[in-house]
C-alpha atoms as a PDB file:
ATOM      1  CA  MET A   1      -0.168   0.519   0.016  1.00  0.00           C
ATOM      2  CA  ALA A   2       1.002   3.449  -1.026  1.00  0.00           C
ATOM      3  CA  ILE A   3       1.941   5.790   2.060  1.00  0.00           C
ATOM      4  CA  TRP A   4       1.618   9.639   0.918  1.00  0.00           C
ATOM      5  CA  ASP A   5       3.671  11.914   3.819  1.00  0.00           C
ATOM      6  CA  ALA A   6       1.852  15.433   2.627  1.00  0.00           C
ATOM      7  CA  GLY A   7       4.040  17.910   3.976  1.00  0.00           C
ATOM      8  CA  ILE A   8       7.575  18.472   5.243  1.00  0.00           C
ATOM      9  CA  HIS A   9      10.305  20.607   5.483  1.00  0.00           C
ATOM     10  CA  ILE A  10      13.797  19.589   3.920  1.00  0.00           C
ATOM     11  CA  TYR A  11      16.842  21.803   6.130  1.00  0.00           C
ATOM     12  CA  ARG A  12      20.625  22.257   4.730  1.00  0.00           C
ATOM     13  CA  GLN A  13      23.310  22.580   7.334  1.00  0.00           C
ATOM     14  CA  GLY A  14      24.773  26.442   6.565  1.00  0.00           C
ATOM     15  CA  TRP A  15      22.453  27.860   3.780  1.00  0.00           C
ATOM     16  CA  PRO A  16      21.269  30.700   3.385  1.00  0.00           C
ATOM     17  CA  LEU A  17      18.094  31.851   5.373  1.00  0.00           C
ATOM     18  CA  ALA A  18      16.939  34.462   3.710  1.00  0.00           C
ATOM     19  CA  PRO A  19      16.148  37.930   5.251  1.00  0.00           C
ATOM     20  CA  THR A  20      12.078  37.197   6.276  1.00  0.00           C
ATOM     21  CA  ALA A  21      13.583  34.514   8.009  1.00  0.00           C
ATOM     22  CA  LEU A  22      12.270  34.423  11.812  1.00  0.00           C
ATOM     23  CA  SER A  23      14.679  31.515  13.477  1.00  0.00           C
ATOM     24  CA  LYS A  24      17.644  29.809  12.442  1.00  0.00           C
ATOM     25  CA  PRO A  25      16.318  25.866  12.294  1.00  0.00           C
ATOM     26  CA  ASP A  26      18.405  23.045  12.302  1.00  0.00           C
ATOM     27  CA  ALA A  27      20.246  20.801   9.702  1.00  0.00           C
ATOM     28  CA  ALA A  28      16.831  18.542   8.775  1.00  0.00           C
ATOM     29  CA  SER A  29      18.066  16.103   5.506  1.00  0.00           C
ATOM     30  CA  LEU A  30      16.308  12.991   3.519  1.00  0.00           C
ATOM     31  CA  GLU A  31      18.152  10.560   5.002  1.00  0.00           C
ATOM     32  CA  ASP A  32      16.801  12.009   8.341  1.00  0.00           C
ATOM     33  CA  TYR A  33      13.522  12.130   7.305  1.00  0.00           C
ATOM     34  CA  ARG A  34      14.289   8.445   5.798  1.00  0.00           C
ATOM     35  CA  ARG A  35      15.159   7.216   9.443  1.00  0.00           C
ATOM     36  CA  ALA A  36      12.408   8.847  11.362  1.00  0.00           C
ATOM     37  CA  SER A  37       9.663   7.378   8.666  1.00  0.00           C
ATOM     38  CA  GLU A  38      11.736   3.641   8.950  1.00  0.00           C
ATOM     39  CA  ALA A  39       8.828   2.786  10.939  1.00  0.00           C
ATOM     40  CA  VAL A  40       6.212   3.581   9.530  1.00  0.00           C
ATOM     41  CA  GLY A  41       7.222   2.875   5.690  1.00  0.00           C
ATOM     42  CA  THR A  42       6.033   5.829   3.882  1.00  0.00           C
ATOM     43  CA  THR A  43       6.334   5.146   0.416  1.00  0.00           C
ATOM     44  CA  HIS A  44       6.226   8.793  -0.862  1.00  0.00           C
ATOM     45  CA  VAL A  45       6.493  12.475   0.110  1.00  0.00           C
ATOM     46  CA  VAL A  46       5.697  16.329   0.064  1.00  0.00           C
ATOM     47  CA  LEU A  47       8.011  18.223   0.204  1.00  0.00           C
ATOM     48  CA  SER A  48       6.899  21.740   1.277  1.00  0.00           C
ATOM     49  CA  GLN A  49       9.058  25.323   1.255  1.00  0.00           C
ATOM     50  CA  PRO A  50      10.052  26.319   4.331  1.00  0.00           C
ATOM     51  CA  THR A  51       9.641  29.439   5.235  1.00  0.00           C
ATOM     52  CA  ALA A  52      13.067  29.925   6.382  1.00  0.00           C
ATOM     53  CA  TYR A  53      14.463  29.801   2.379  1.00  0.00           C
ATOM     54  CA  GLY A  54      11.883  32.238   1.212  1.00  0.00           C
ATOM     55  CA  PHE A  55      11.854  32.275  -2.777  1.00  0.00           C
ATOM     56  CA  ASP A  56      15.173  29.890  -3.003  1.00  0.00           C
ATOM     57  CA  ASN A  57      14.082  26.304  -3.555  1.00  0.00           C
ATOM     58  CA  THR A  58      16.637  24.912  -4.270  1.00  0.00           C
ATOM     59  CA  VAL A  59      17.643  22.486  -1.288  1.00  0.00           C
ATOM     60  CA  LEU A  60      13.990  21.505  -2.148  1.00  0.00           C
ATOM     61  CA  LEU A  61      14.675  20.886  -5.866  1.00  0.00           C
ATOM     62  CA  ASP A  62      17.511  18.650  -4.515  1.00  0.00           C
ATOM     63  CA  ALA A  63      16.083  16.735  -2.227  1.00  0.00           C
ATOM     64  CA  LEU A  64      12.947  16.208  -5.556  1.00  0.00           C
ATOM     65  CA  HIS A  65      15.973  15.426  -7.846  1.00  0.00           C
ATOM     66  CA  THR A  66      17.512  12.861  -5.671  1.00  0.00           C
ATOM     67  CA  CYS A  67      13.258  11.428  -4.392  1.00  0.00           C
ATOM     68  CA  GLY A  68      12.177  11.090  -7.894  1.00  0.00           C
ATOM     69  CA  ASP A  69       9.328   9.596  -8.920  1.00  0.00           C
ATOM     70  CA  ARG A  70       8.452   9.198  -5.373  1.00  0.00           C
ATOM     71  CA  ALA A  71       8.643  12.121  -4.214  1.00  0.00           C
ATOM     72  CA  ARG A  72       6.537  15.843  -5.497  1.00  0.00           C
ATOM     73  CA  GLY A  73       7.347  19.454  -4.342  1.00  0.00           C
ATOM     74  CA  ILE A  74       4.860  22.004  -3.443  1.00  0.00           C
ATOM     75  CA  VAL A  75       7.466  25.751  -3.577  1.00  0.00           C
ATOM     76  CA  VAL A  76       7.582  29.355  -3.007  1.00  0.00           C
ATOM     77  CA  VAL A  77       7.992  31.129  -5.616  1.00  0.00           C
ATOM     78  CA  PRO A  78       7.497  35.305  -7.400  1.00  0.00           C
ATOM     79  CA  PRO A  79       4.199  35.989  -8.398  1.00  0.00           C
ATOM     80  CA  ASP A  80       5.635  37.604 -11.701  1.00  0.00           C
ATOM     81  CA  THR A  81       7.151  33.981 -12.033  1.00  0.00           C
ATOM     82  CA  PRO A  82       6.910  33.139 -15.767  1.00  0.00           C
ATOM     83  CA  PRO A  83       4.982  30.639 -17.216  1.00  0.00           C
ATOM     84  CA  SER A  84       8.136  28.516 -18.975  1.00  0.00           C
ATOM     85  CA  SER A  85       9.920  28.794 -15.432  1.00  0.00           C
ATOM     86  CA  LEU A  86       6.933  27.338 -13.890  1.00  0.00           C
ATOM     87  CA  LEU A  87       6.960  24.613 -16.255  1.00  0.00           C
ATOM     88  CA  ALA A  88      10.360  23.444 -16.054  1.00  0.00           C
ATOM     89  CA  LEU A  89       9.688  23.316 -11.861  1.00  0.00           C
ATOM     90  CA  HIS A  90       6.490  20.909 -12.747  1.00  0.00           C
ATOM     91  CA  GLN A  91       8.845  18.939 -14.723  1.00  0.00           C
ATOM     92  CA  GLN A  92      11.246  18.273 -12.203  1.00  0.00           C
ATOM     93  CA  GLY A  93       8.121  17.331  -9.890  1.00  0.00           C
ATOM     94  CA  VAL A  94       7.159  20.137  -8.786  1.00  0.00           C
ATOM     95  CA  ARG A  95       3.052  19.767  -7.925  1.00  0.00           C
ATOM     96  CA  GLY A  96       1.720  23.731  -6.331  1.00  0.00           C
ATOM     97  CA  VAL A  97       2.690  26.734  -4.008  1.00  0.00           C
ATOM     98  CA  ARG A  98       2.934  27.721  -0.827  1.00  0.00           C
ATOM     99  CA  PHE A  99       0.994  30.321   0.754  1.00  0.00           C
ATOM    100  CA  MET A 100       2.004  30.974   4.999  1.00  0.00           C
ATOM    101  CA  MET A 101      -0.010  33.540   5.563  1.00  0.00           C
ATOM    102  CA  PHE A 102       2.243  33.895   8.772  1.00  0.00           C
ATOM    103  CA  PRO A 103       4.811  36.557   9.845  1.00  0.00           C
ATOM    104  CA  GLY A 104       7.651  35.282   8.014  1.00  0.00           C
ATOM    105  CA  GLY A 105       6.160  34.182   4.455  1.00  0.00           C
ATOM    106  CA  VAL A 106       6.396  36.060   1.850  1.00  0.00           C
ATOM    107  CA  LEU A 107       3.535  36.173  -0.539  1.00  0.00           C
ATOM    108  CA  SER A 108       0.884  37.959  -0.046  1.00  0.00           C
ATOM    109  CA  TRP A 109      -3.452  38.112   0.111  1.00  0.00           C
ATOM    110  CA  HIS A 110      -2.811  40.234  -3.157  1.00  0.00           C
ATOM    111  CA  ASP A 111      -0.365  37.387  -4.551  1.00  0.00           C
ATOM    112  CA  VAL A 112      -2.539  34.363  -5.095  1.00  0.00           C
ATOM    113  CA  SER A 113      -5.395  35.371  -8.094  1.00  0.00           C
ATOM    114  CA  SER A 114      -2.030  35.839  -9.926  1.00  0.00           C
ATOM    115  CA  LEU A 115      -0.169  32.904  -8.858  1.00  0.00           C
ATOM    116  CA  ALA A 116      -3.267  30.606  -8.877  1.00  0.00           C
ATOM    117  CA  ALA A 117      -4.283  31.016 -12.798  1.00  0.00           C
ATOM    118  CA  LYS A 118      -0.848  30.055 -13.587  1.00  0.00           C
ATOM    119  CA  ALA A 119      -1.178  27.293 -10.948  1.00  0.00           C
ATOM    120  CA  ALA A 120      -4.397  26.435 -12.756  1.00  0.00           C
ATOM    121  CA  ASP A 121      -3.037  26.373 -16.278  1.00  0.00           C
ATOM    122  CA  LEU A 122      -0.364  23.538 -15.083  1.00  0.00           C
ATOM    123  CA  ASN A 123      -2.845  21.612 -12.599  1.00  0.00           C
ATOM    124  CA  TRP A 124      -1.185  22.682  -9.301  1.00  0.00           C
ATOM    125  CA  VAL A 125      -1.965  23.482  -5.692  1.00  0.00           C
ATOM    126  CA  LEU A 126      -2.275  26.249  -3.900  1.00  0.00           C
ATOM    127  CA  LYS A 127      -1.295  25.421  -0.395  1.00  0.00           C
ATOM    128  CA  PHE A 128      -2.295  27.674   2.892  1.00  0.00           C
ATOM    129  CA  GLN A 129      -1.206  27.634   6.103  1.00  0.00           C
ATOM    130  CA  ILE A 130      -4.150  30.053   7.862  1.00  0.00           C
ATOM    131  CA  THR A 131      -5.589  31.178  10.328  1.00  0.00           C
ATOM    132  CA  ALA A 132      -9.284  30.324  11.117  1.00  0.00           C
ATOM    133  CA  GLY A 133      -9.429  34.579  10.862  1.00  0.00           C
ATOM    134  CA  GLN A 134      -7.873  34.892   7.260  1.00  0.00           C
ATOM    135  CA  PHE A 135     -10.122  32.062   6.483  1.00  0.00           C
ATOM    136  CA  VAL A 136     -13.135  33.041   7.176  1.00  0.00           C
ATOM    137  CA  ARG A 137     -12.241  36.956   5.607  1.00  0.00           C
ATOM    138  CA  HIS A 138     -11.254  35.497   2.894  1.00  0.00           C
ATOM    139  CA  ALA A 139     -13.599  32.684   2.117  1.00  0.00           C
ATOM    140  CA  ASP A 140     -15.332  34.657  -0.713  1.00  0.00           C
ATOM    141  CA  LEU A 141     -11.223  34.849  -2.656  1.00  0.00           C
ATOM    142  CA  LEU A 142     -10.786  31.803  -2.406  1.00  0.00           C
ATOM    143  CA  ALA A 143     -14.139  30.172  -3.332  1.00  0.00           C
ATOM    144  CA  SER A 144     -13.307  32.030  -6.799  1.00  0.00           C
ATOM    145  CA  LEU A 145      -9.926  30.570  -7.783  1.00  0.00           C
ATOM    146  CA  PRO A 146      -9.320  28.589 -10.183  1.00  0.00           C
ATOM    147  CA  ALA A 147      -6.788  26.145  -8.683  1.00  0.00           C
ATOM    148  CA  ARG A 148      -7.389  23.767  -6.336  1.00  0.00           C
ATOM    149  CA  LEU A 149      -6.557  24.480  -2.696  1.00  0.00           C
ATOM    150  CA  VAL A 150      -4.977  22.657   0.219  1.00  0.00           C
ATOM    151  CA  ILE A 151      -5.631  23.721   3.784  1.00  0.00           C
ATOM    152  CA  ASP A 152      -3.238  23.190   6.323  1.00  0.00           C
ATOM    153  CA  VAL A 153      -5.256  21.932   9.655  1.00  0.00           C
ATOM    154  CA  TYR A 154      -3.806  22.296  12.810  1.00  0.00           C
ATOM    155  CA  PRO A 155      -3.755  23.624  16.277  1.00  0.00           C
ATOM    156  CA  ALA A 156      -1.595  26.065  15.439  1.00  0.00           C
ATOM    157  CA  THR A 157      -3.088  26.882  12.168  1.00  0.00           C
ATOM    158  CA  LEU A 158      -7.235  26.972  12.328  1.00  0.00           C
ATOM    159  CA  ASP A 159      -9.364  26.839  15.814  1.00  0.00           C
ATOM    160  CA  ARG A 160     -11.458  24.576  17.166  1.00  0.00           C
ATOM    161  CA  SER A 161     -14.835  26.261  16.660  1.00  0.00           C
ATOM    162  CA  ASP A 162     -18.513  24.952  14.696  1.00  0.00           C
ATOM    163  CA  GLU A 163     -17.846  27.695  12.563  1.00  0.00           C
ATOM    164  CA  THR A 164     -14.517  27.134  10.920  1.00  0.00           C
ATOM    165  CA  ALA A 165     -14.885  23.590  10.975  1.00  0.00           C
ATOM    166  CA  ALA A 166     -18.725  23.890   8.705  1.00  0.00           C
ATOM    167  CA  ARG A 167     -16.904  26.426   6.626  1.00  0.00           C
ATOM    168  CA  LEU A 168     -13.838  23.936   5.975  1.00  0.00           C
ATOM    169  CA  ILE A 169     -17.062  20.740   4.918  1.00  0.00           C
ATOM    170  CA  ALA A 170     -18.664  22.929   2.533  1.00  0.00           C
ATOM    171  CA  ALA A 171     -15.203  24.327   0.873  1.00  0.00           C
ATOM    172  CA  MET A 172     -14.727  20.783   0.089  1.00  0.00           C
ATOM    173  CA  ALA A 173     -18.272  19.459  -0.738  1.00  0.00           C
ATOM    174  CA  ALA A 174     -17.402  22.162  -3.428  1.00  0.00           C
ATOM    175  CA  GLY A 175     -14.610  20.075  -4.668  1.00  0.00           C
ATOM    176  CA  ARG A 176     -11.845  22.065  -5.150  1.00  0.00           C
ATOM    177  CA  THR A 177     -10.686  21.900  -1.635  1.00  0.00           C
ATOM    178  CA  TRP A 178      -8.903  19.319   0.393  1.00  0.00           C
ATOM    179  CA  ILE A 179      -7.397  19.731   3.594  1.00  0.00           C
ATOM    180  CA  SER A 180      -4.126  18.368   5.320  1.00  0.00           C
ATOM    181  CA  LEU A 181      -3.809  17.096   8.428  1.00  0.00           C
ATOM    182  CA  SER A 182      -1.272  16.605  11.340  1.00  0.00           C
ATOM    183  CA  ALA A 183      -0.553  15.744  14.601  1.00  0.00           C
ATOM    184  CA  PRO A 184      -1.542  18.568  17.902  1.00  0.00           C
ATOM    185  CA  ALA A 185       2.050  17.833  19.401  1.00  0.00           C
ATOM    186  CA  ASP A 186      -0.151  18.034  22.502  1.00  0.00           C
ATOM    187  CA  ASP A 187      -1.363  13.994  22.207  1.00  0.00           C
ATOM    188  CA  GLN A 188      -4.415  15.188  25.021  1.00  0.00           C
ATOM    189  CA  ASP A 189      -6.048  17.531  22.384  1.00  0.00           C
ATOM    190  CA  PRO A 190      -9.856  15.941  22.570  1.00  0.00           C
ATOM    191  CA  LYS A 191     -11.443  19.373  21.028  1.00  0.00           C
ATOM    192  CA  PHE A 192      -9.154  19.563  18.157  1.00  0.00           C
ATOM    193  CA  ASP A 193      -9.254  15.397  17.818  1.00  0.00           C
ATOM    194  CA  GLU A 194     -13.147  15.984  17.266  1.00  0.00           C
ATOM    195  CA  MET A 195     -12.978  19.033  14.637  1.00  0.00           C
ATOM    196  CA  ALA A 196     -10.295  16.532  12.595  1.00  0.00           C
ATOM    197  CA  ARG A 197     -12.684  13.292  12.691  1.00  0.00           C
ATOM    198  CA  ARG A 198     -15.266  15.747  12.032  1.00  0.00           C
ATOM    199  CA  LEU A 199     -13.493  16.852   8.695  1.00  0.00           C
ATOM    200  CA  ILE A 200     -12.993  13.415   7.970  1.00  0.00           C
ATOM    201  CA  LEU A 201     -15.885  12.065   8.204  1.00  0.00           C
ATOM    202  CA  ALA A 202     -17.466  14.551   6.326  1.00  0.00           C
ATOM    203  CA  ASN A 203     -15.565  14.126   3.326  1.00  0.00           C
ATOM    204  CA  ALA A 204     -12.710  11.902   3.847  1.00  0.00           C
ATOM    205  CA  ALA A 205     -12.005  11.480   0.098  1.00  0.00           C
ATOM    206  CA  ARG A 206     -10.880  15.530   0.434  1.00  0.00           C
ATOM    207  CA  CYS A 207      -8.538  14.489   3.399  1.00  0.00           C
ATOM    208  CA  ILE A 208      -4.668  14.031   3.329  1.00  0.00           C
ATOM    209  CA  TRP A 209      -2.045  13.541   5.793  1.00  0.00           C
ATOM    210  CA  ALA A 210       0.928  15.633   6.659  1.00  0.00           C
ATOM    211  CA  SER A 211       3.353  14.718   9.694  1.00  0.00           C
ATOM    212  CA  ASN A 212       4.780  18.218   9.476  1.00  0.00           C
ATOM    213  CA  TRP A 213       8.663  16.825   9.937  1.00  0.00           C
ATOM    214  CA  PRO A 214      10.489  17.735  11.400  1.00  0.00           C
ATOM    215  CA  GLY A 215       8.222  19.275  13.878  1.00  0.00           C
ATOM    216  CA  SER A 216       7.532  18.032  17.098  1.00  0.00           C
ATOM    217  CA  THR A 217       5.547  15.314  16.690  1.00  0.00           C
ATOM    218  CA  GLY A 218       7.154  12.876  15.145  1.00  0.00           C
ATOM    219  CA  VAL A 219       5.852  10.703  11.888  1.00  0.00           C
ATOM    220  CA  GLN A 220       4.730   8.140  13.629  1.00  0.00           C
ATOM    221  CA  HIS A 221       2.938   9.702  16.560  1.00  0.00           C
ATOM    222  CA  GLY A 222       1.626  10.870  13.446  1.00  0.00           C
ATOM    223  CA  LEU A 223       0.354   8.837  12.020  1.00  0.00           C
ATOM    224  CA  ALA A 224      -0.683   6.436  14.959  1.00  0.00           C
ATOM    225  CA  TRP A 225      -2.853  10.253  15.472  1.00  0.00           C
ATOM    226  CA  LEU A 226      -4.426   9.534  12.632  1.00  0.00           C
ATOM    227  CA  ASN A 227      -5.518   5.945  12.677  1.00  0.00           C
ATOM    228  CA  LYS A 228      -7.055   7.129  16.120  1.00  0.00           C
ATOM    229  CA  VAL A 229      -9.096   9.783  15.076  1.00  0.00           C
ATOM    230  CA  ALA A 230     -10.020   8.003  11.551  1.00  0.00           C
ATOM    231  CA  GLY A 231      -9.633   4.847  12.594  1.00  0.00           C
ATOM    232  CA  PRO A 232      -7.407   1.695  10.518  1.00  0.00           C
ATOM    233  CA  ASP A 233      -9.864   1.543   7.875  1.00  0.00           C
ATOM    234  CA  ILE A 234     -10.316   5.216   6.400  1.00  0.00           C
ATOM    235  CA  ALA A 235      -6.561   5.836   7.099  1.00  0.00           C
ATOM    236  CA  ASP A 236      -5.133   3.512   4.978  1.00  0.00           C
ATOM    237  CA  ARG A 237      -7.621   5.315   2.112  1.00  0.00           C
ATOM    238  CA  ILE A 238      -6.345   8.622   3.414  1.00  0.00           C
ATOM    239  CA  VAL A 239      -2.356   8.142   3.367  1.00  0.00           C
ATOM    240  CA  GLN A 240      -3.555   7.439  -0.030  1.00  0.00           C
ATOM    241  CA  ASN A 241      -5.208  10.580  -1.298  1.00  0.00           C
ATOM    242  CA  ALA A 242      -2.302  12.911  -2.191  1.00  0.00           C
ATOM    243  CA  SER A 243      -1.387  10.435  -4.701  1.00  0.00           C
ATOM    244  CA  ASP A 244      -4.597  11.443  -6.835  1.00  0.00           C
ATOM    245  CA  LEU A 245      -4.014  14.957  -5.457  1.00  0.00           C
ATOM    246  CA  LEU A 246      -0.901  15.495  -6.728  1.00  0.00           C
ATOM    247  CA  GLY A 247       0.869  12.264  -8.401  1.00  0.00           C
END
């Protein structure tokens, strides 16, 4: 069975940080990830451009080249990037653009529409790390975009309110939005577990799983959490959904 880990970051020792970086991350290589995920047996991985490197996708692209067909990439690019450059990235395994809308991010809401049009031409996704308030305020814009969307859902971002859950469920039902679920750092977070379970029961086909490695939860813990909130059979389906979305 294929197991897609739909969101990890790679950090290279000594690689220059973007001027906008808010912290200096520890090194986290592909070999480190392989050791961390060995017990789980992930077969495919999605590399997500770290905020620390801004628009410099070099480390991610090098890792994509090493992984070959078993990896896909989500990059961060300037809004004026020409289609020819995006096509070149596509040929290297890139399948989307990341929007990190917290301090340290280098793209803004003003950049979304222009990049969405270019992403749609390549059947790419737009991956958003946003707060619940941002999700609500920009709901109309998000619904109007031609590209498919992935919304990160974990406790540090979206809240656990009924309103947020209902809006996410409605977005999934509209057919162009996927939810990327990651485990909470605190294993005892029943309100977040309840929200995740509600999203899964509403539309498991629009859910993917990400360990968020090298985040604090770890790969093995992250998958164990998914099995807990979804049940083993549904979890087995969720870890394969990224294949249809990004494969």
